[in-house]
Protein backbone atom coordinates (compact mmCIF):
# COMPACT_ATOMS: atom_id res chain seq x y z
CA UNK A 1 0.05 0.01 -0.01
CA UNK A 2 1.41 3.38 -1.00
CA UNK A 3 2.09 5.63 2.07
CA UNK A 4 0.86 9.20 2.28
CA UNK A 5 3.53 11.91 2.61
CA UNK A 6 3.15 14.24 5.50
CA UNK A 7 1.80 17.05 3.33
CA UNK A 8 -0.82 14.73 1.79
CA UNK A 9 -1.81 13.38 5.17
CA UNK A 10 -2.27 16.93 6.53
CA UNK A 11 -4.54 17.82 3.58
CA UNK A 12 -6.53 14.64 4.09
CA UNK A 13 -7.01 15.58 7.77
CA UNK A 14 -7.99 19.16 6.98
CA UNK A 15 -10.56 17.92 4.42
CA UNK A 16 -12.00 15.49 6.88
CA UNK A 17 -12.42 18.11 9.57
CA UNK A 18 -13.80 20.60 7.11
CA UNK A 19 -16.55 18.17 6.08
CA UNK A 20 -17.23 17.28 9.76
CA UNK A 21 -17.66 20.97 10.45
CA UNK A 22 -19.99 21.27 7.48
CA UNK A 23 -22.15 18.45 8.85
CA UNK A 24 -22.32 19.99 12.30
CA UNK A 25 -23.11 23.48 10.99
CA UNK A 26 -25.88 22.43 8.69
CA UNK A 27 -29.21 22.87 10.40
CA UNK A 28 -31.15 25.11 8.09
CA UNK A 29 -34.09 24.49 5.76
CA UNK A 30 -33.83 22.07 2.93
CA UNK A 31 -32.90 23.47 -0.45
CA UNK A 32 -33.66 21.97 -3.83
CA UNK A 33 -30.41 21.54 -5.73
CA UNK A 34 -31.75 19.69 -8.74
CA UNK A 35 -35.20 18.79 -10.02
CA UNK A 36 -36.31 17.28 -13.35
CA UNK A 37 -39.59 15.85 -12.13
CA UNK A 38 -41.16 18.70 -14.03
CA UNK A 39 -40.24 16.96 -17.26
CA UNK A 40 -42.62 14.08 -16.81
CA UNK A 41 -45.91 14.95 -18.63
CA UNK A 42 -48.64 15.74 -16.09
CA UNK A 43 -51.41 14.70 -18.40
CA UNK A 44 -51.66 12.41 -21.46
CA UNK A 45 -54.66 12.46 -23.88
CA UNK A 46 -56.29 14.88 -21.38
CA UNK A 47 -56.09 12.38 -18.46
CA UNK A 48 -53.61 12.19 -15.62
CA UNK A 49 -50.31 10.52 -16.55
CA UNK A 50 -50.18 7.08 -14.95
CA UNK A 51 -47.43 5.41 -16.95
CA UNK A 52 -44.04 6.45 -18.33
CA UNK A 53 -41.49 4.63 -20.37
CA UNK A 54 -39.19 2.83 -17.99
CA UNK A 55 -35.98 0.81 -17.71
CA UNK A 56 -36.44 -2.73 -16.53
CA UNK A 57 -34.05 -4.78 -14.32
CA UNK A 58 -31.77 -5.56 -17.35
CA UNK A 59 -30.39 -2.12 -16.75
CA UNK A 60 -29.42 -2.88 -13.12
CA UNK A 61 -28.70 -6.60 -12.91
CA UNK A 62 -26.28 -8.37 -10.63
CA UNK A 63 -25.87 -5.54 -8.18
CA UNK A 64 -25.27 -3.00 -10.95
CA UNK A 65 -27.27 0.23 -11.24
CA UNK A 66 -29.21 2.47 -13.60
CA UNK A 67 -29.15 6.30 -13.50
CA UNK A 68 -27.98 9.60 -14.93
CA UNK A 69 -25.69 12.53 -14.46
CA UNK A 70 -26.95 15.83 -12.92
CA UNK A 71 -25.63 19.27 -12.29
CA UNK A 72 -26.83 21.09 -9.17
CA UNK A 73 -27.32 24.78 -8.40
CA UNK A 74 -25.43 26.46 -5.62
CA UNK A 75 -26.96 26.01 -2.15
CA UNK A 76 -25.99 26.96 1.36
CA UNK A 77 -25.06 23.27 2.07
CA UNK A 78 -23.67 20.25 0.33
CA UNK A 79 -25.30 17.68 2.52
CA UNK A 80 -27.80 15.31 0.98
CA UNK A 81 -31.19 15.39 2.74
CA UNK A 82 -33.71 13.84 0.41
CA UNK A 83 -33.89 12.22 -3.03
CA UNK A 84 -37.26 11.67 -4.70
CA UNK A 85 -37.61 9.52 -7.89
CA UNK A 86 -40.30 7.60 -9.78
CA UNK A 87 -40.92 3.94 -10.60
CA UNK A 88 -43.23 1.99 -12.78
CA UNK A 89 -44.83 -1.02 -11.12
CA UNK A 90 -45.81 -3.95 -13.35
CA UNK A 91 -46.88 -6.33 -10.55
CA UNK A 92 -50.60 -7.30 -10.24
CA UNK A 93 -52.33 -8.84 -7.29
CA UNK A 94 -52.98 -11.79 -9.56
CA UNK A 95 -52.16 -12.58 -13.13
CA UNK A 96 -49.71 -10.84 -15.58
CA UNK A 97 -50.21 -7.65 -17.38
CA UNK A 98 -48.96 -8.90 -20.81
CA UNK A 99 -51.27 -11.91 -20.64
CA UNK A 100 -54.30 -9.54 -20.22
CA UNK A 101 -55.32 -11.31 -16.99
CA UNK A 102 -54.01 -8.67 -14.51
CA UNK A 103 -56.40 -8.35 -11.65
CA UNK A 104 -56.01 -5.94 -8.69
CA UNK A 105 -59.22 -5.98 -6.59
CA UNK A 106 -57.80 -3.85 -3.71
CA UNK A 107 -56.57 -0.54 -4.96
CA UNK A 108 -55.15 0.37 -1.55
CA UNK A 109 -53.13 -2.84 -1.11
CA UNK A 110 -49.39 -2.44 -1.27
CA UNK A 111 -46.19 -4.55 -1.30
CA UNK A 112 -42.72 -3.51 -0.18
CA UNK A 113 -39.45 -3.47 -2.12
CA UNK A 114 -36.09 -2.23 -1.08
CA UNK A 115 -34.29 0.30 -3.27
CA UNK A 116 -30.85 1.87 -3.04
CA UNK A 117 -29.73 5.35 -4.28
CA UNK A 118 -26.05 6.03 -4.63
CA UNK A 119 -24.49 9.33 -5.50
CA UNK A 120 -20.94 9.48 -7.00
CA UNK A 121 -18.49 12.09 -8.20
CA UNK A 122 -17.97 12.15 -11.89
CA UNK A 123 -14.78 10.30 -12.64
CA UNK A 124 -12.52 9.93 -15.70
CA UNK A 125 -14.49 9.28 -18.88
CA UNK A 126 -17.67 10.16 -17.05
CA UNK A 127 -17.59 6.84 -15.26
CA UNK A 128 -18.65 6.85 -11.55
CA UNK A 129 -15.84 8.10 -9.29
CA UNK A 130 -15.71 8.41 -5.50
CA UNK A 131 -18.84 7.55 -3.59
CA UNK A 132 -20.41 10.63 -2.00
CA UNK A 133 -23.62 9.35 -0.36
CA UNK A 134 -25.81 6.32 -0.27
CA UNK A 135 -29.35 5.83 0.90
CA UNK A 136 -31.94 3.01 1.08
CA UNK A 137 -35.67 2.99 1.35
CA UNK A 138 -38.26 0.24 1.71
CA UNK A 139 -40.80 1.48 -0.77
CA UNK A 140 -44.47 0.78 -0.22
CA UNK A 141 -45.80 0.25 -3.79
CA UNK A 142 -49.33 -0.09 -5.12
CA UNK A 143 -50.08 -2.88 -7.48
CA UNK A 144 -50.73 -2.14 -11.16
CA UNK A 145 -54.54 -1.63 -11.89
CA UNK A 146 -56.50 -4.47 -13.52
CA UNK A 147 -56.46 -4.98 -17.27
CA UNK A 148 -59.11 -2.76 -19.02
CA UNK A 149 -60.62 -5.31 -21.33
CA UNK A 150 -62.16 -2.55 -23.47
CA UNK A 151 -58.77 -1.33 -24.54
CA UNK A 152 -57.29 -2.39 -27.86
CA UNK A 153 -55.03 -5.41 -28.08
CA UNK A 154 -51.29 -4.74 -28.69
CA UNK A 155 -48.71 -6.48 -30.77
CA UNK A 156 -45.01 -6.47 -31.77
CA UNK A 157 -44.21 -7.01 -28.87
CA UNK A 158 -47.59 -7.71 -27.20
CA UNK A 159 -48.00 -5.68 -24.01
CA UNK A 160 -51.61 -6.60 -23.18
CA UNK A 161 -54.66 -4.36 -23.39
CA UNK A 162 -53.45 -1.86 -20.78
CA UNK A 163 -55.17 -0.27 -17.85
CA UNK A 164 -57.14 2.83 -17.07
CA UNK A 165 -58.71 5.37 -19.36
CA UNK A 166 -55.42 5.86 -21.25
CA UNK A 167 -55.13 2.09 -21.79
CA UNK A 168 -51.55 2.38 -20.40
CA UNK A 169 -49.72 -0.85 -21.35
CA UNK A 170 -46.78 -0.34 -19.05
CA UNK A 171 -46.38 -0.07 -15.26
CA UNK A 172 -48.19 2.03 -12.78
CA UNK A 173 -46.31 5.26 -12.11
CA UNK A 174 -45.39 5.91 -8.47
CA UNK A 175 -43.12 8.20 -6.45
CA UNK A 176 -40.61 7.03 -3.84
CA UNK A 177 -38.42 9.10 -1.49
CA UNK A 178 -35.02 8.39 0.05
CA UNK A 179 -34.83 10.19 3.41
CA UNK A 180 -31.74 8.74 5.09
CA UNK A 181 -28.29 8.98 3.63
CA UNK A 182 -24.79 8.07 4.69
CA UNK A 183 -22.43 10.65 3.32
CA UNK A 184 -18.68 10.70 3.24
CA UNK A 185 -17.85 13.83 1.26
CA UNK A 186 -19.67 17.12 0.22
CA UNK A 187 -22.11 16.95 -2.69
CA UNK A 188 -20.19 18.07 -5.88
CA UNK A 189 -21.69 20.37 -8.47
CA UNK A 190 -21.84 17.52 -10.99
CA UNK A 191 -22.80 14.14 -9.77
CA UNK A 192 -23.99 10.70 -10.94
CA UNK A 193 -27.18 9.31 -9.31
CA UNK A 194 -27.62 5.51 -9.56
CA UNK A 195 -30.56 3.39 -8.56
CA UNK A 196 -30.82 -0.38 -7.91
CA UNK A 197 -33.23 -2.80 -6.12
CA UNK A 198 -30.70 -5.53 -6.02
CA UNK A 199 -33.20 -8.32 -6.65
CA UNK A 200 -33.82 -8.22 -10.46
CA UNK A 201 -37.37 -9.35 -10.93
CA UNK A 202 -37.95 -9.54 -7.11
CA UNK A 203 -39.99 -12.71 -6.98
CA UNK A 204 -42.15 -11.80 -10.00
CA UNK A 205 -42.86 -8.31 -8.79
CA UNK A 206 -41.28 -6.32 -11.61
CA UNK A 207 -40.61 -2.71 -10.93
CA UNK A 208 -38.81 -0.49 -13.41
CA UNK A 209 -37.13 2.90 -13.16
CA UNK A 210 -39.40 5.57 -14.54
CA UNK A 211 -38.17 7.85 -17.37
CA UNK A 212 -39.20 11.25 -18.65
CA UNK A 213 -41.20 10.15 -21.74
CA UNK A 214 -44.74 8.85 -21.13
CA UNK A 215 -46.81 6.25 -22.97
CA UNK A 216 -49.50 7.78 -25.18
CA UNK A 217 -51.26 5.13 -27.28
CA UNK A 218 -51.09 2.06 -29.50
CA UNK A 219 -52.62 2.56 -32.91
CA UNK A 220 -52.09 1.27 -36.36
CA UNK A 221 -49.81 -1.49 -35.09
CA UNK A 222 -47.39 1.11 -33.48
CA UNK A 223 -46.68 2.44 -30.06
CA UNK A 224 -46.64 6.24 -29.62
CA UNK A 225 -45.20 8.32 -26.78
CA UNK A 226 -45.79 11.71 -25.06
CA UNK A 227 -42.45 13.53 -25.05
CA UNK A 228 -41.02 15.17 -21.95
CA UNK A 229 -42.63 18.39 -20.82
CA UNK A 230 -40.61 21.65 -20.82
CA UNK A 231 -38.48 20.18 -23.68
CA UNK A 232 -36.90 18.01 -21.02
CA UNK A 233 -35.17 20.93 -19.27
CA UNK A 234 -35.00 20.53 -15.48
CA UNK A 235 -36.83 23.06 -13.34
CA UNK A 236 -33.74 23.35 -11.06
CA UNK A 237 -30.19 22.58 -12.10
CA UNK A 238 -29.30 21.16 -15.54
CA UNK A 239 -28.50 17.93 -17.39
CA UNK A 240 -24.83 18.10 -18.49
CA UNK A 241 -25.18 15.08 -20.67
CA UNK A 242 -28.92 14.89 -21.73
CA UNK A 243 -28.30 12.00 -24.27
CA UNK A 244 -26.27 9.86 -21.87
CA UNK A 245 -27.13 7.30 -19.19
CA UNK A 246 -25.62 4.85 -16.84
CA UNK A 247 -26.70 1.23 -17.73
CA UNK A 248 -25.43 -1.52 -15.42
CA UNK A 249 -23.39 1.19 -13.71
CA UNK A 250 -21.49 1.88 -17.01
CA UNK A 251 -21.56 5.11 -18.98
CA UNK A 252 -23.44 5.09 -22.31
CA UNK A 253 -22.76 8.27 -24.21
CA UNK A 254 -25.69 8.43 -26.74
CA UNK A 255 -29.19 7.25 -27.49
CA UNK A 256 -30.97 8.31 -24.35
CA UNK A 257 -32.28 11.79 -25.24
CA UNK A 258 -35.64 12.35 -23.56
CA UNK A 259 -35.31 9.10 -21.67
CA UNK A 260 -33.54 10.38 -18.47
CA UNK A 261 -34.52 9.09 -15.00
CA UNK A 262 -36.18 11.79 -12.97
CA UNK A 263 -34.84 13.09 -9.55
CA UNK A 264 -35.60 15.84 -7.04
CA UNK A 265 -32.52 16.30 -4.90
CA UNK A 266 -32.70 18.34 -1.64
CA UNK A 267 -29.69 19.42 0.38
CA UNK A 268 -29.62 20.68 3.89
């Protein structure tokens, strides 16, 4: 193991105490440092948006993660307080959505699933660098509504007849919040936010990471989407790489425009 020289050690100690002081001094109100939840369409076809396009567990298999890069605004603190994101739930009380036999008789019934959010510095080549903070939440999720048998059948690939007045063929859109983080260094201006549930299909209860673009309709043998609101521009902060994503924890440079995961990051 390479030894630190005295000067390096001193700098490391100073940095450690500086962050400790930052933690101790931070007791003010939460401040939003980044928010692109505004880019998810609020309505589709004149009805509330209940389903977005989403990334399934193939994007975060084997302990890997899915996420995106964000750029925050200046705040009075660099301590992570809260992270809000969205998921699409494909699980039914009984049956399977794509087989058109999805039945959820109790709209209030929920199941739990553990998710982890990790925040990293941006490393060389835009790969995840040093870990900044990590948090876990046991999300309480509603089951996907029952198949609406009056909806049109889908094909290529078949996704069932969908649910609700929009005949949404995907998962049921829901919001989850991470409230408790372990943090080792100040939040940088640019960061990588990664999500994982660590259990792939989770015993048949498939839950995907929600993206900006929403499902609109299936007609003429094709699927159509509702693009992000506000042209995909975050309400707070910015997207330094709006066409890039982290798939299985690895940087992918292009092909993801309008398909970013959504986050609201609060610092304290």
